[in-house]
Amino acid sequence: MSLRIATWNVNSLRRRLDHLAQFCATEQPDVVCLQETKVRDEEFPHEAINDLGFTHVLRHGQKGTNGVAILSRLPFEAEETLSFCGRDDCRHASVRLAGGLEIHNFYVPAGGDKPDPEANDKFAHKLQFLDEMAAWAKERLTGRRAVLVGDLNVAPLETDVWNHKRQVKNVGHTPGESERMSRLQAAAGLIDAPRRFVSPDQPLYSWWGYRFRESFQKNYGWRLDHVLVTPALDGDILDCRVFKDPRSWDQPSDHVPVILDLASA
């Protein structure tokens, strides 16, 4: 049997319900991990999600910003939400499926516009969050069958942005952030699943910003959305790919889904 897991920063779940339905009808994921749901738990659109076939849901949200959710056709054996940096700002949710597979869904802080932790509290928060994630991954994920997905808001490789020389001093692609992503991966030996199928020397993007209207048409992209897999699942990785279509739909999110296929749950 195979298992299909998708991760997608939808940039407001209620605004993108039609897009989510279209994506699920086309790609038939078993589990969908969402970021930036921007909806309080008591206002979560359960009926619409159930109509898509996802009868098992873990949501962890707040009004207007942040928020994560895990939608599943398969039951959960366990659920958990964690806080980082001493803030309960709805940036993590995880579940365990039958057979022991853990799925961890993260939304890392964007970090503001200035890559200076002394002058920019948002950037300092982001760096602390990534540091805490690495320590957590070493303790929690080592030796486990686990998938870590989400909008990690870092494009670590030179080919993860459309113009490395131009972007290397911008938040999301600074050397300090890229180094922290490396530490996160090294902490539990995590495998960068999409780069198994697209060579690290080739461009790969999952986000095209709103500020420049033609960013998607001109492919001025960044890879901010990630799928990391523990070594225990190495032999189960069948495919991992970016699904670009939703970025061309009407009023899209600036992010697109990334899809992981595993040989077994």
Protein backbone atom coordinates (compact mmCIF):
# COMPACT_ATOMS: atom_id res chain seq x y z
CA MET A 1 0.00 0.00 0.00
CA SER A 2 1.07 3.60 -0.52
CA LEU A 3 0.38 6.80 1.37
CA ARG A 4 0.17 10.28 -0.17
CA ILE A 5 0.93 13.25 2.09
CA ALA A 6 0.63 16.85 0.90
CA THR A 7 1.79 20.07 2.54
CA TRP A 8 0.39 23.47 1.56
CA ASN A 9 0.44 26.99 2.94
CA VAL A 10 -3.06 27.97 1.82
CA ASN A 11 -2.86 31.56 3.13
CA SER A 12 -6.39 31.46 4.63
CA LEU A 13 -8.21 28.13 4.60
CA ARG A 14 -11.72 29.50 4.27
CA ARG A 15 -10.68 31.66 1.31
CA ARG A 16 -9.08 28.68 -0.46
CA LEU A 17 -11.65 25.95 0.23
CA ASP A 18 -12.50 25.69 -3.46
CA HIS A 19 -8.80 25.42 -4.32
CA LEU A 20 -8.34 22.72 -1.69
CA ALA A 21 -11.30 20.79 -3.12
CA GLN A 22 -9.91 21.07 -6.65
CA PHE A 23 -6.46 19.96 -5.54
CA CYS A 24 -7.80 16.98 -3.60
CA ALA A 25 -10.03 15.89 -6.48
CA THR A 26 -7.03 15.91 -8.80
CA GLU A 27 -4.27 14.51 -6.59
CA GLN A 28 -6.21 12.42 -4.05
CA PRO A 29 -3.98 12.91 -0.99
CA ASP A 30 -4.55 10.74 2.06
CA VAL A 31 -3.22 13.40 4.43
CA VAL A 32 -3.02 17.16 3.90
CA CYS A 33 -0.95 19.40 6.18
CA LEU A 34 -1.98 23.05 5.97
CA GLN A 35 -0.25 26.20 7.16
CA GLU A 36 -1.53 29.75 7.60
CA THR A 37 -5.07 28.54 8.06
CA LYS A 38 -5.95 31.88 9.74
CA VAL A 39 -9.05 30.55 11.48
CA ARG A 40 -9.93 29.98 15.12
CA ASP A 41 -10.62 26.39 16.08
CA GLU A 42 -14.27 27.12 16.88
CA GLU A 43 -14.75 28.55 13.36
CA PHE A 44 -12.89 25.78 11.50
CA PRO A 45 -14.92 24.63 8.44
CA HIS A 46 -15.33 21.01 9.54
CA GLU A 47 -18.33 20.28 7.35
CA ALA A 48 -16.58 21.40 4.17
CA ILE A 49 -13.47 19.41 5.10
CA ASN A 50 -15.52 16.30 5.90
CA ASP A 51 -17.21 16.62 2.52
CA LEU A 52 -13.77 16.25 0.94
CA GLY A 53 -13.37 12.89 2.67
CA PHE A 54 -11.19 14.01 5.56
CA THR A 55 -13.02 12.69 8.61
CA HIS A 56 -10.03 12.97 10.93
CA VAL A 57 -8.81 16.51 11.62
CA LEU A 58 -6.37 18.14 13.98
CA ARG A 59 -6.59 21.92 13.91
CA HIS A 60 -4.54 24.43 15.87
CA GLY A 61 -5.48 27.93 14.85
CA GLN A 62 -6.07 31.52 15.75
CA LYS A 63 -7.81 34.48 14.17
CA GLY A 64 -6.24 36.22 11.20
CA THR A 65 -2.71 34.81 11.27
CA ASN A 66 -0.66 31.61 11.55
CA GLY A 67 -2.51 28.37 12.24
CA VAL A 68 -1.87 24.78 11.15
CA ALA A 69 -4.10 21.78 10.50
CA ILE A 70 -3.75 18.13 9.54
CA LEU A 71 -6.56 16.59 7.48
CA SER A 72 -6.65 12.82 7.08
CA ARG A 73 -8.68 10.01 5.58
CA LEU A 74 -6.98 7.70 8.11
CA PRO A 75 -7.56 7.71 11.87
CA PHE A 76 -5.06 9.15 14.32
CA GLU A 77 -3.55 7.07 17.09
CA ALA A 78 -2.23 10.21 18.79
CA GLU A 79 -2.36 14.00 18.38
CA GLU A 80 -0.09 16.75 19.68
CA THR A 81 0.53 20.47 19.36
CA LEU A 82 3.70 22.12 20.63
CA SER A 83 4.80 25.68 21.32
CA PHE A 84 8.25 27.07 20.55
CA CYS A 85 10.08 30.14 21.83
CA GLY A 86 7.66 30.38 24.74
CA ARG A 87 4.83 31.49 22.45
CA ASP A 88 1.56 29.69 21.84
CA ASP A 89 1.19 31.04 18.29
CA CYS A 90 -0.16 27.93 16.53
CA ARG A 91 2.86 26.87 14.49
CA HIS A 92 2.98 23.10 15.06
CA ALA A 93 0.66 20.10 14.94
CA SER A 94 1.49 16.41 14.76
CA VAL A 95 -0.30 13.10 14.52
CA ARG A 96 0.62 9.42 14.66
CA LEU A 97 -1.05 7.04 12.24
CA ALA A 98 -1.55 3.31 12.59
CA GLY A 99 1.79 1.57 12.26
CA GLY A 100 3.61 4.32 14.12
CA LEU A 101 4.19 6.87 11.34
CA GLU A 102 4.49 10.39 12.77
CA ILE A 103 3.61 13.47 10.70
CA HIS A 104 4.80 16.83 11.99
CA ASN A 105 3.42 20.00 10.43
CA PHE A 106 5.28 23.30 10.99
CA TYR A 107 4.85 26.94 10.10
CA VAL A 108 8.14 28.71 10.86
CA PRO A 109 8.02 32.49 11.42
CA ALA A 110 8.68 34.50 8.26
CA GLY A 111 11.14 36.81 10.03
CA GLY A 112 10.18 40.25 8.77
CA ASP A 113 12.15 42.24 6.22
CA LYS A 114 15.46 43.01 7.93
CA PRO A 115 17.94 40.13 8.51
CA ASP A 116 19.30 41.61 11.75
CA PRO A 117 18.22 39.95 15.01
CA GLU A 118 19.35 42.98 17.01
CA ALA A 119 17.18 45.40 15.06
CA ASN A 120 14.36 43.04 14.06
CA ASP A 121 12.53 41.07 16.75
CA LYS A 122 10.73 39.02 14.09
CA PHE A 123 14.03 37.81 12.65
CA ALA A 124 15.37 37.02 16.12
CA HIS A 125 12.21 34.99 16.76
CA LYS A 126 12.73 33.06 13.53
CA LEU A 127 16.33 32.17 14.34
CA GLN A 128 15.39 31.05 17.84
CA PHE A 129 12.54 28.96 16.44
CA LEU A 130 14.86 27.18 13.99
CA ASP A 131 17.40 26.55 16.77
CA GLU A 132 14.72 25.06 19.00
CA MET A 133 13.42 22.93 16.11
CA ALA A 134 16.86 21.40 15.61
CA ALA A 135 17.17 20.53 19.30
CA TRP A 136 13.64 19.11 19.29
CA ALA A 137 14.30 17.05 16.14
CA LYS A 138 17.39 15.44 17.63
CA GLU A 139 15.49 14.40 20.74
CA ARG A 140 12.14 13.55 19.17
CA LEU A 141 12.79 12.25 15.65
CA THR A 142 16.00 10.28 15.95
CA GLY A 143 15.29 6.62 15.24
CA ARG A 144 11.61 7.19 14.48
CA ARG A 145 9.48 6.74 11.37
CA ALA A 146 8.53 10.36 10.84
CA VAL A 147 7.84 13.01 8.22
CA LEU A 148 8.38 16.71 8.92
CA VAL A 149 6.59 19.04 6.51
CA GLY A 150 5.54 22.64 6.26
CA ASP A 151 6.31 26.19 5.33
CA LEU A 152 9.73 26.52 6.95
CA ASN A 153 10.28 29.96 5.39
CA VAL A 154 13.87 29.18 4.41
CA ALA A 155 15.22 28.56 0.91
CA PRO A 156 18.52 26.92 1.92
CA LEU A 157 20.20 26.08 -1.40
CA GLU A 158 21.43 28.50 -4.04
CA THR A 159 19.05 26.82 -6.48
CA ASP A 160 16.12 27.28 -4.08
CA VAL A 161 15.81 30.91 -5.19
CA TRP A 162 15.56 32.35 -8.67
CA ASN A 163 18.62 34.59 -8.20
CA HIS A 164 21.03 33.61 -5.44
CA LYS A 165 23.35 36.62 -5.77
CA ARG A 166 20.43 39.00 -5.59
CA GLN A 167 18.60 37.22 -2.75
CA VAL A 168 21.41 36.08 -0.45
CA LYS A 169 21.05 39.13 1.81
CA ASN A 170 17.26 38.83 2.02
CA VAL A 171 15.36 37.17 4.85
CA GLY A 172 14.66 33.57 3.93
CA HIS A 173 17.93 32.98 2.10
CA THR A 174 20.64 34.39 4.37
CA PRO A 175 23.62 32.18 5.23
CA GLY A 176 22.54 32.03 8.88
CA GLU A 177 19.11 30.69 8.00
CA SER A 178 20.51 28.19 5.51
CA GLU A 179 22.98 26.98 8.15
CA ARG A 180 20.14 26.46 10.61
CA MET A 181 18.26 24.39 8.05
CA SER A 182 21.38 22.25 7.67
CA ARG A 183 21.53 21.81 11.43
CA LEU A 184 17.88 20.82 11.53
CA GLN A 185 18.44 18.15 8.90
CA ALA A 186 21.63 16.91 10.53
CA ALA A 187 20.04 16.74 13.98
CA ALA A 188 18.04 13.63 13.04
CA GLY A 189 19.62 12.73 9.69
CA LEU A 190 16.59 14.09 7.86
CA ILE A 191 16.33 13.47 4.12
CA ASP A 192 15.36 16.34 1.81
CA ALA A 193 12.78 14.31 -0.13
CA PRO A 194 12.10 16.65 -3.10
CA ARG A 195 15.82 16.87 -3.81
CA ARG A 196 15.87 13.11 -4.27
CA PHE A 197 14.00 13.72 -7.52
CA VAL A 198 15.28 17.15 -8.55
CA SER A 199 19.06 17.44 -8.40
CA PRO A 200 20.38 20.08 -5.96
CA ASP A 201 22.02 21.87 -8.87
CA GLN A 202 18.62 22.43 -10.52
CA PRO A 203 16.07 25.12 -9.58
CA LEU A 204 13.09 24.08 -7.48
CA TYR A 205 10.46 26.49 -6.13
CA SER A 206 7.20 26.34 -4.16
CA TRP A 207 6.48 30.06 -3.58
CA TRP A 208 6.04 32.98 -5.93
CA GLY A 209 5.39 36.27 -4.16
CA TYR A 210 2.51 38.66 -4.64
CA ARG A 211 4.61 41.84 -4.75
CA PHE A 212 5.66 41.30 -8.36
CA ARG A 213 2.57 40.46 -10.40
CA GLU A 214 4.44 38.37 -12.96
CA SER A 215 6.56 36.40 -10.48
CA PHE A 216 4.93 33.09 -11.37
CA GLN A 217 4.93 33.69 -15.11
CA LYS A 218 8.61 34.63 -15.02
CA ASN A 219 9.38 31.87 -12.49
CA TYR A 220 10.85 34.23 -9.89
CA GLY A 221 10.35 31.64 -7.18
CA TRP A 222 11.67 30.41 -3.85
CA ARG A 223 11.50 26.96 -2.22
CA LEU A 224 10.07 27.70 1.21
CA ASP A 225 7.92 24.58 1.63
CA HIS A 226 9.73 21.42 2.65
CA VAL A 227 9.32 17.69 3.12
CA LEU A 228 11.93 16.07 5.38
CA VAL A 229 11.90 12.34 6.10
CA THR A 230 13.74 10.35 8.75
CA PRO A 231 16.23 7.65 7.67
CA ALA A 232 13.84 4.93 8.87
CA LEU A 233 11.59 5.83 5.92
CA ASP A 234 14.35 6.15 3.34
CA GLY A 235 13.41 2.99 1.47
CA ASP A 236 9.72 3.96 1.40
CA ILE A 237 10.07 7.20 -0.57
CA LEU A 238 8.38 6.67 -3.94
CA ASP A 239 8.10 10.25 -5.15
CA CYS A 240 8.12 13.84 -3.96
CA ARG A 241 7.11 16.72 -6.19
CA VAL A 242 5.90 20.29 -6.29
CA PHE A 243 2.38 20.70 -7.70
CA LYS A 244 2.46 24.11 -9.38
CA ASP A 245 -1.04 24.30 -10.87
CA PRO A 246 -2.80 26.14 -7.99
CA ARG A 247 -0.55 29.19 -8.37
CA SER A 248 -2.25 29.90 -11.70
CA TRP A 249 -5.81 29.55 -10.34
CA ASP A 250 -8.01 32.56 -9.57
CA GLN A 251 -6.93 34.42 -6.41
CA PRO A 252 -4.31 31.82 -5.45
CA SER A 253 -2.18 31.35 -2.40
CA ASP A 254 1.39 32.46 -3.01
CA HIS A 255 2.49 28.91 -2.08
CA VAL A 256 1.73 25.64 -3.86
CA PRO A 257 1.47 22.09 -2.51
CA VAL A 258 4.36 19.66 -2.19
CA ILE A 259 3.35 15.99 -2.44
CA LEU A 260 5.12 13.00 -0.90
CA ASP A 261 4.33 9.40 -1.83
CA LEU A 262 5.45 6.70 0.60
CA ALA A 263 5.42 2.98 -0.16
CA SER A 264 3.77 2.20 3.16
CA ALA A 265 2.16 3.86 6.13
